All heavy atoms as atom14 arrays in JSON, in Angstrom:
{
  "sequence": "EQELFENLEAGYKRLKLDISSSLGKEPKVYGVAG",
  "atom14_mask": [
    [1, 1, 1, 1, 1, 1, 1, 1, 1, 0, 0, 0, 0, 0],
    [1, 1, 1, 1, 1, 1, 1, 1, 1, 0, 0, 0, 0, 0],
    [1, 1, 1, 1, 1, 1, 1, 1, 1, 0, 0, 0, 0, 0],
    [1, 1, 1, 1, 1, 1, 1, 1, 0, 0, 0, 0, 0, 0],
    [1, 1, 1, 1, 1, 1, 1, 1, 1, 1, 1, 0, 0, 0],
    [1, 1, 1, 1, 1, 1, 1, 1, 1, 0, 0, 0, 0, 0],
    [1, 1, 1, 1, 1, 1, 1, 1, 0, 0, 0, 0, 0, 0],
    [1, 1, 1, 1, 1, 1, 1, 1, 0, 0, 0, 0, 0, 0],
    [1, 1, 1, 1, 1, 1, 1, 1, 1, 0, 0, 0, 0, 0],
    [1, 1, 1, 1, 1, 0, 0, 0, 0, 0, 0, 0, 0, 0],
    [1, 1, 1, 1, 0, 0, 0, 0, 0, 0, 0, 0, 0, 0],
    [1, 1, 1, 1, 1, 1, 1, 1, 1, 1, 1, 1, 0, 0],
    [1, 1, 1, 1, 1, 1, 1, 1, 1, 0, 0, 0, 0, 0],
    [1, 1, 1, 1, 1, 1, 1, 1, 1, 1, 1, 0, 0, 0],
    [1, 1, 1, 1, 1, 1, 1, 1, 0, 0, 0, 0, 0, 0],
    [1, 1, 1, 1, 1, 1, 1, 1, 1, 0, 0, 0, 0, 0],
    [1, 1, 1, 1, 1, 1, 1, 1, 0, 0, 0, 0, 0, 0],
    [1, 1, 1, 1, 1, 1, 1, 1, 0, 0, 0, 0, 0, 0],
    [1, 1, 1, 1, 1, 1, 1, 1, 0, 0, 0, 0, 0, 0],
    [1, 1, 1, 1, 1, 1, 0, 0, 0, 0, 0, 0, 0, 0],
    [1, 1, 1, 1, 1, 1, 0, 0, 0, 0, 0, 0, 0, 0],
    [1, 1, 1, 1, 1, 1, 0, 0, 0, 0, 0, 0, 0, 0],
    [1, 1, 1, 1, 1, 1, 1, 1, 0, 0, 0, 0, 0, 0],
    [1, 1, 1, 1, 0, 0, 0, 0, 0, 0, 0, 0, 0, 0],
    [1, 1, 1, 1, 1, 1, 1, 1, 1, 0, 0, 0, 0, 0],
    [1, 1, 1, 1, 1, 1, 1, 1, 1, 0, 0, 0, 0, 0],
    [1, 1, 1, 1, 1, 1, 1, 0, 0, 0, 0, 0, 0, 0],
    [1, 1, 1, 1, 1, 1, 1, 1, 1, 0, 0, 0, 0, 0],
    [1, 1, 1, 1, 1, 1, 1, 0, 0, 0, 0, 0, 0, 0],
    [1, 1, 1, 1, 1, 1, 1, 1, 1, 1, 1, 1, 0, 0],
    [1, 1, 1, 1, 0, 0, 0, 0, 0, 0, 0, 0, 0, 0],
    [1, 1, 1, 1, 1, 1, 1, 0, 0, 0, 0, 0, 0, 0],
    [1, 1, 1, 1, 1, 0, 0, 0, 0, 0, 0, 0, 0, 0],
    [1, 1, 1, 1, 0, 0, 0, 0, 0, 0, 0, 0, 0, 0]
  ],
  "atom14_positions": [
    [[39.21, -70.14, -17.01], [38.49, -70.8, -15.89], [39.37, -70.75, -14.65], [38.84, -70.48, -13.53], [38.22, -72.31, -16.28], [37.51, -72.98, -15.21], [37.3, -74.5, -15.5], [38.3, -75.23, -15.49], [36.19, -74.85, -15.84], [0.0, 0.0, 0.0], [0.0, 0.0, 0.0], [0.0, 0.0, 0.0], [0.0, 0.0, 0.0], [0.0, 0.0, 0.0]],
    [[40.64, -71.0, -14.72], [41.57, -70.98, -13.6], [41.63, -69.6, -12.96], [41.83, -69.51, -11.78], [42.95, -71.48, -14.03], [43.02, -72.96, -14.34], [42.49, -73.86, -13.21], [42.93, -73.64, -12.03], [41.68, -74.84, -13.51], [0.0, 0.0, 0.0], [0.0, 0.0, 0.0], [0.0, 0.0, 0.0], [0.0, 0.0, 0.0], [0.0, 0.0, 0.0]],
    [[41.48, -68.54, -13.73], [41.53, -67.16, -13.25], [40.26, -66.88, -12.31], [40.34, -65.98, -11.56], [41.59, -66.21, -14.38], [42.89, -66.23, -15.15], [42.93, -65.31, -16.34], [41.81, -64.85, -16.73], [43.98, -65.13, -16.93], [0.0, 0.0, 0.0], [0.0, 0.0, 0.0], [0.0, 0.0, 0.0], [0.0, 0.0, 0.0], [0.0, 0.0, 0.0]],
    [[39.27, -67.71, -12.43], [38.06, -67.56, -11.56], [38.28, -68.03, -10.2], [37.58, -67.76, -9.29], [36.81, -68.24, -12.26], [36.37, -67.72, -13.53], [35.29, -68.62, -14.12], [35.92, -66.25, -13.51], [0.0, 0.0, 0.0], [0.0, 0.0, 0.0], [0.0, 0.0, 0.0], [0.0, 0.0, 0.0], [0.0, 0.0, 0.0], [0.0, 0.0, 0.0]],
    [[39.34, -68.93, -10.02], [39.59, -69.53, -8.66], [40.28, -68.5, -7.8], [41.21, -67.79, -8.13], [40.49, -70.75, -8.89], [39.75, -72.05, -9.28], [39.43, -72.23, -10.65], [39.31, -72.89, -8.33], [38.8, -73.34, -11.0], [38.65, -74.05, -8.78], [38.39, -74.29, -10.07], [0.0, 0.0, 0.0], [0.0, 0.0, 0.0], [0.0, 0.0, 0.0]],
    [[39.85, -68.51, -6.45], [40.52, -67.73, -5.48], [41.35, -68.68, -4.62], [41.19, -69.89, -4.62], [39.39, -67.11, -4.54], [38.36, -66.29, -5.23], [37.35, -65.77, -4.34], [37.67, -65.18, -3.29], [36.14, -65.92, -4.57], [0.0, 0.0, 0.0], [0.0, 0.0, 0.0], [0.0, 0.0, 0.0], [0.0, 0.0, 0.0], [0.0, 0.0, 0.0]],
    [[42.38, -68.06, -3.9], [43.17, -68.89, -3.07], [42.36, -69.19, -1.79], [41.26, -68.65, -1.54], [44.5, -68.29, -2.72], [44.42, -66.92, -1.89], [43.53, -66.87, -0.95], [45.13, -65.92, -2.25], [0.0, 0.0, 0.0], [0.0, 0.0, 0.0], [0.0, 0.0, 0.0], [0.0, 0.0, 0.0], [0.0, 0.0, 0.0], [0.0, 0.0, 0.0]],
    [[42.86, -70.14, -0.96], [42.13, -70.64, 0.22], [41.71, -69.53, 1.14], [40.58, -69.45, 1.58], [42.95, -71.69, 0.88], [42.29, -72.38, 2.16], [41.09, -73.11, 1.69], [43.27, -73.25, 2.86], [0.0, 0.0, 0.0], [0.0, 0.0, 0.0], [0.0, 0.0, 0.0], [0.0, 0.0, 0.0], [0.0, 0.0, 0.0], [0.0, 0.0, 0.0]],
    [[42.64, -68.68, 1.54], [42.27, -67.62, 2.49], [41.24, -66.6, 1.92], [40.37, -66.2, 2.65], [43.54, -66.87, 3.02], [44.36, -67.71, 4.04], [43.44, -68.15, 5.19], [42.82, -67.39, 5.79], [43.47, -69.39, 5.51], [0.0, 0.0, 0.0], [0.0, 0.0, 0.0], [0.0, 0.0, 0.0], [0.0, 0.0, 0.0], [0.0, 0.0, 0.0]],
    [[41.45, -66.29, 0.72], [40.45, -65.33, 0.04], [39.13, -65.98, -0.01], [38.1, -65.33, 0.27], [40.99, -64.93, -1.32], [0.0, 0.0, 0.0], [0.0, 0.0, 0.0], [0.0, 0.0, 0.0], [0.0, 0.0, 0.0], [0.0, 0.0, 0.0], [0.0, 0.0, 0.0], [0.0, 0.0, 0.0], [0.0, 0.0, 0.0], [0.0, 0.0, 0.0]],
    [[39.09, -67.21, -0.43], [37.77, -67.91, -0.46], [37.17, -68.15, 0.93], [35.91, -67.9, 1.05], [0.0, 0.0, 0.0], [0.0, 0.0, 0.0], [0.0, 0.0, 0.0], [0.0, 0.0, 0.0], [0.0, 0.0, 0.0], [0.0, 0.0, 0.0], [0.0, 0.0, 0.0], [0.0, 0.0, 0.0], [0.0, 0.0, 0.0], [0.0, 0.0, 0.0]],
    [[37.98, -68.38, 1.88], [37.48, -68.53, 3.24], [36.92, -67.22, 3.81], [35.8, -67.29, 4.33], [38.69, -68.94, 4.24], [38.35, -68.86, 5.71], [37.58, -69.88, 6.27], [38.77, -67.76, 6.43], [37.3, -69.76, 7.65], [38.48, -67.7, 7.73], [37.69, -68.73, 8.37], [37.4, -68.62, 9.67], [0.0, 0.0, 0.0], [0.0, 0.0, 0.0]],
    [[37.56, -66.1, 3.57], [37.08, -64.82, 4.04], [35.71, -64.42, 3.36], [34.88, -63.89, 3.96], [38.15, -63.73, 3.78], [39.34, -63.89, 4.74], [40.4, -62.86, 4.41], [41.55, -63.05, 5.37], [42.73, -62.07, 5.01], [0.0, 0.0, 0.0], [0.0, 0.0, 0.0], [0.0, 0.0, 0.0], [0.0, 0.0, 0.0], [0.0, 0.0, 0.0]],
    [[35.65, -64.75, 2.01], [34.48, -64.43, 1.32], [33.26, -65.26, 1.75], [32.22, -64.73, 2.05], [34.68, -64.66, -0.18], [33.58, -64.2, -1.06], [33.83, -64.44, -2.53], [32.65, -64.32, -3.31], [32.62, -64.75, -4.56], [33.65, -65.33, -5.11], [31.47, -64.64, -5.31], [0.0, 0.0, 0.0], [0.0, 0.0, 0.0], [0.0, 0.0, 0.0]],
    [[33.55, -66.45, 2.04], [32.46, -67.41, 2.57], [32.09, -66.92, 3.94], [30.94, -66.95, 4.35], [32.94, -68.85, 2.52], [31.98, -69.87, 2.99], [30.73, -69.81, 2.08], [32.63, -71.3, 2.87], [0.0, 0.0, 0.0], [0.0, 0.0, 0.0], [0.0, 0.0, 0.0], [0.0, 0.0, 0.0], [0.0, 0.0, 0.0], [0.0, 0.0, 0.0]],
    [[33.07, -66.62, 4.79], [32.79, -66.21, 6.13], [31.95, -64.99, 6.18], [31.02, -64.82, 6.99], [34.1, -65.89, 6.91], [33.97, -65.5, 8.35], [35.34, -65.21, 8.99], [35.18, -64.79, 10.44], [36.5, -64.49, 11.09], [0.0, 0.0, 0.0], [0.0, 0.0, 0.0], [0.0, 0.0, 0.0], [0.0, 0.0, 0.0], [0.0, 0.0, 0.0]],
    [[32.17, -64.02, 5.3], [31.41, -62.73, 5.2], [29.95, -63.09, 4.83], [29.07, -62.51, 5.46], [32.05, -61.86, 4.21], [31.4, -60.45, 4.04], [31.51, -59.64, 5.35], [32.02, -59.71, 2.87], [0.0, 0.0, 0.0], [0.0, 0.0, 0.0], [0.0, 0.0, 0.0], [0.0, 0.0, 0.0], [0.0, 0.0, 0.0], [0.0, 0.0, 0.0]],
    [[29.86, -64.01, 3.9], [28.44, -64.39, 3.51], [27.69, -65.1, 4.6], [26.5, -64.79, 4.85], [28.45, -65.25, 2.23], [27.11, -65.4, 1.53], [26.29, -66.12, 2.02], [26.97, -64.66, 0.52], [0.0, 0.0, 0.0], [0.0, 0.0, 0.0], [0.0, 0.0, 0.0], [0.0, 0.0, 0.0], [0.0, 0.0, 0.0], [0.0, 0.0, 0.0]],
    [[28.33, -66.0, 5.28], [27.75, -66.71, 6.37], [27.35, -65.74, 7.46], [26.27, -65.86, 8.08], [28.69, -67.84, 6.91], [28.81, -68.97, 5.93], [28.22, -68.34, 8.23], [29.74, -70.05, 6.2], [0.0, 0.0, 0.0], [0.0, 0.0, 0.0], [0.0, 0.0, 0.0], [0.0, 0.0, 0.0], [0.0, 0.0, 0.0], [0.0, 0.0, 0.0]],
    [[28.22, -64.86, 7.88], [28.03, -63.9, 8.95], [26.78, -63.04, 8.59], [25.95, -62.77, 9.55], [29.17, -62.94, 9.15], [30.34, -63.74, 9.49], [0.0, 0.0, 0.0], [0.0, 0.0, 0.0], [0.0, 0.0, 0.0], [0.0, 0.0, 0.0], [0.0, 0.0, 0.0], [0.0, 0.0, 0.0], [0.0, 0.0, 0.0], [0.0, 0.0, 0.0]],
    [[26.65, -62.69, 7.39], [25.5, -61.87, 7.02], [24.15, -62.63, 6.96], [23.04, -62.05, 6.91], [25.7, -61.11, 5.68], [25.78, -62.03, 4.62], [0.0, 0.0, 0.0], [0.0, 0.0, 0.0], [0.0, 0.0, 0.0], [0.0, 0.0, 0.0], [0.0, 0.0, 0.0], [0.0, 0.0, 0.0], [0.0, 0.0, 0.0], [0.0, 0.0, 0.0]],
    [[24.3, -63.95, 6.87], [23.09, -64.8, 6.79], [22.54, -65.33, 8.14], [21.39, -65.74, 8.16], [23.46, -66.02, 5.84], [23.77, -65.62, 4.56], [0.0, 0.0, 0.0], [0.0, 0.0, 0.0], [0.0, 0.0, 0.0], [0.0, 0.0, 0.0], [0.0, 0.0, 0.0], [0.0, 0.0, 0.0], [0.0, 0.0, 0.0], [0.0, 0.0, 0.0]],
    [[23.42, -65.36, 9.14], [23.0, -65.81, 10.44], [21.88, -65.01, 10.94], [21.89, -63.76, 10.84], [24.17, -65.9, 11.39], [25.14, -67.05, 11.17], [26.48, -66.78, 11.92], [24.56, -68.38, 11.62], [0.0, 0.0, 0.0], [0.0, 0.0, 0.0], [0.0, 0.0, 0.0], [0.0, 0.0, 0.0], [0.0, 0.0, 0.0], [0.0, 0.0, 0.0]],
    [[20.9, -65.65, 11.62], [19.85, -64.9, 12.24], [18.65, -64.57, 11.28], [17.68, -63.99, 11.68], [0.0, 0.0, 0.0], [0.0, 0.0, 0.0], [0.0, 0.0, 0.0], [0.0, 0.0, 0.0], [0.0, 0.0, 0.0], [0.0, 0.0, 0.0], [0.0, 0.0, 0.0], [0.0, 0.0, 0.0], [0.0, 0.0, 0.0], [0.0, 0.0, 0.0]],
    [[18.76, -65.13, 10.1], [17.68, -64.91, 9.11], [17.02, -66.25, 8.77], [17.1, -67.15, 9.48], [18.29, -64.21, 7.82], [18.95, -62.83, 8.17], [19.61, -62.28, 6.87], [20.24, -60.9, 7.21], [20.99, -60.32, 6.09], [0.0, 0.0, 0.0], [0.0, 0.0, 0.0], [0.0, 0.0, 0.0], [0.0, 0.0, 0.0], [0.0, 0.0, 0.0]],
    [[16.47, -66.34, 7.59], [15.9, -67.56, 7.13], [17.0, -68.58, 6.9], [18.1, -68.24, 6.54], [15.12, -67.35, 5.79], [13.84, -66.48, 5.9], [12.77, -67.18, 6.75], [12.58, -68.4, 6.55], [12.22, -66.55, 7.67], [0.0, 0.0, 0.0], [0.0, 0.0, 0.0], [0.0, 0.0, 0.0], [0.0, 0.0, 0.0], [0.0, 0.0, 0.0]],
    [[16.71, -69.9, 7.14], [17.73, -70.94, 6.99], [18.33, -70.87, 5.6], [17.69, -70.76, 4.6], [16.99, -72.23, 7.23], [15.83, -71.83, 8.09], [15.42, -70.51, 7.58], [0.0, 0.0, 0.0], [0.0, 0.0, 0.0], [0.0, 0.0, 0.0], [0.0, 0.0, 0.0], [0.0, 0.0, 0.0], [0.0, 0.0, 0.0], [0.0, 0.0, 0.0]],
    [[19.63, -70.94, 5.53], [20.37, -70.92, 4.26], [21.23, -72.12, 4.19], [21.81, -72.56, 5.21], [21.22, -69.72, 4.14], [21.88, -69.41, 2.8], [22.48, -68.0, 2.74], [23.04, -67.75, 1.33], [23.63, -66.38, 1.19], [0.0, 0.0, 0.0], [0.0, 0.0, 0.0], [0.0, 0.0, 0.0], [0.0, 0.0, 0.0], [0.0, 0.0, 0.0]],
    [[21.41, -72.7, 3.05], [22.17, -73.92, 2.82], [23.37, -73.7, 1.89], [23.19, -73.16, 0.79], [21.37, -75.13, 2.26], [22.17, -76.39, 2.12], [20.13, -75.34, 3.1], [0.0, 0.0, 0.0], [0.0, 0.0, 0.0], [0.0, 0.0, 0.0], [0.0, 0.0, 0.0], [0.0, 0.0, 0.0], [0.0, 0.0, 0.0], [0.0, 0.0, 0.0]],
    [[24.54, -74.03, 2.46], [25.78, -73.91, 1.63], [26.23, -75.26, 1.26], [26.33, -76.2, 2.09], [26.88, -73.23, 2.45], [26.63, -71.75, 2.86], [25.78, -71.47, 3.86], [27.19, -70.77, 2.1], [25.49, -70.12, 4.18], [26.93, -69.37, 2.44], [26.04, -69.11, 3.48], [25.77, -67.81, 3.83], [0.0, 0.0, 0.0], [0.0, 0.0, 0.0]],
    [[26.59, -75.48, 0.0], [27.11, -76.74, -0.46], [28.59, -76.58, -0.73], [29.05, -75.68, -1.47], [0.0, 0.0, 0.0], [0.0, 0.0, 0.0], [0.0, 0.0, 0.0], [0.0, 0.0, 0.0], [0.0, 0.0, 0.0], [0.0, 0.0, 0.0], [0.0, 0.0, 0.0], [0.0, 0.0, 0.0], [0.0, 0.0, 0.0], [0.0, 0.0, 0.0]],
    [[29.45, -77.45, -0.16], [30.86, -77.4, -0.26], [31.33, -78.72, -0.9], [31.27, -79.78, -0.23], [31.62, -77.15, 1.05], [33.1, -77.11, 0.84], [31.07, -75.85, 1.73], [0.0, 0.0, 0.0], [0.0, 0.0, 0.0], [0.0, 0.0, 0.0], [0.0, 0.0, 0.0], [0.0, 0.0, 0.0], [0.0, 0.0, 0.0], [0.0, 0.0, 0.0]],
    [[31.76, -78.63, -2.12], [32.14, -79.85, -2.9], [33.58, -79.75, -3.37], [34.26, -78.68, -3.22], [31.21, -80.02, -4.07], [0.0, 0.0, 0.0], [0.0, 0.0, 0.0], [0.0, 0.0, 0.0], [0.0, 0.0, 0.0], [0.0, 0.0, 0.0], [0.0, 0.0, 0.0], [0.0, 0.0, 0.0], [0.0, 0.0, 0.0], [0.0, 0.0, 0.0]],
    [[34.04, -80.85, -3.86], [35.42, -80.91, -4.46], [35.93, -82.36, -4.33], [35.25, -83.21, -3.77], [0.0, 0.0, 0.0], [0.0, 0.0, 0.0], [0.0, 0.0, 0.0], [0.0, 0.0, 0.0], [0.0, 0.0, 0.0], [0.0, 0.0, 0.0], [0.0, 0.0, 0.0], [0.0, 0.0, 0.0], [0.0, 0.0, 0.0], [0.0, 0.0, 0.0]]
  ]
}
């Protein structure tokens, strides 16, 4: 399970890429928990 975790910068970049590709399209909702 721990091997599935990314470090902060890797996770940030992956999320940024997904958000960038989603802007300008249908509304998308991201849930950030912890």
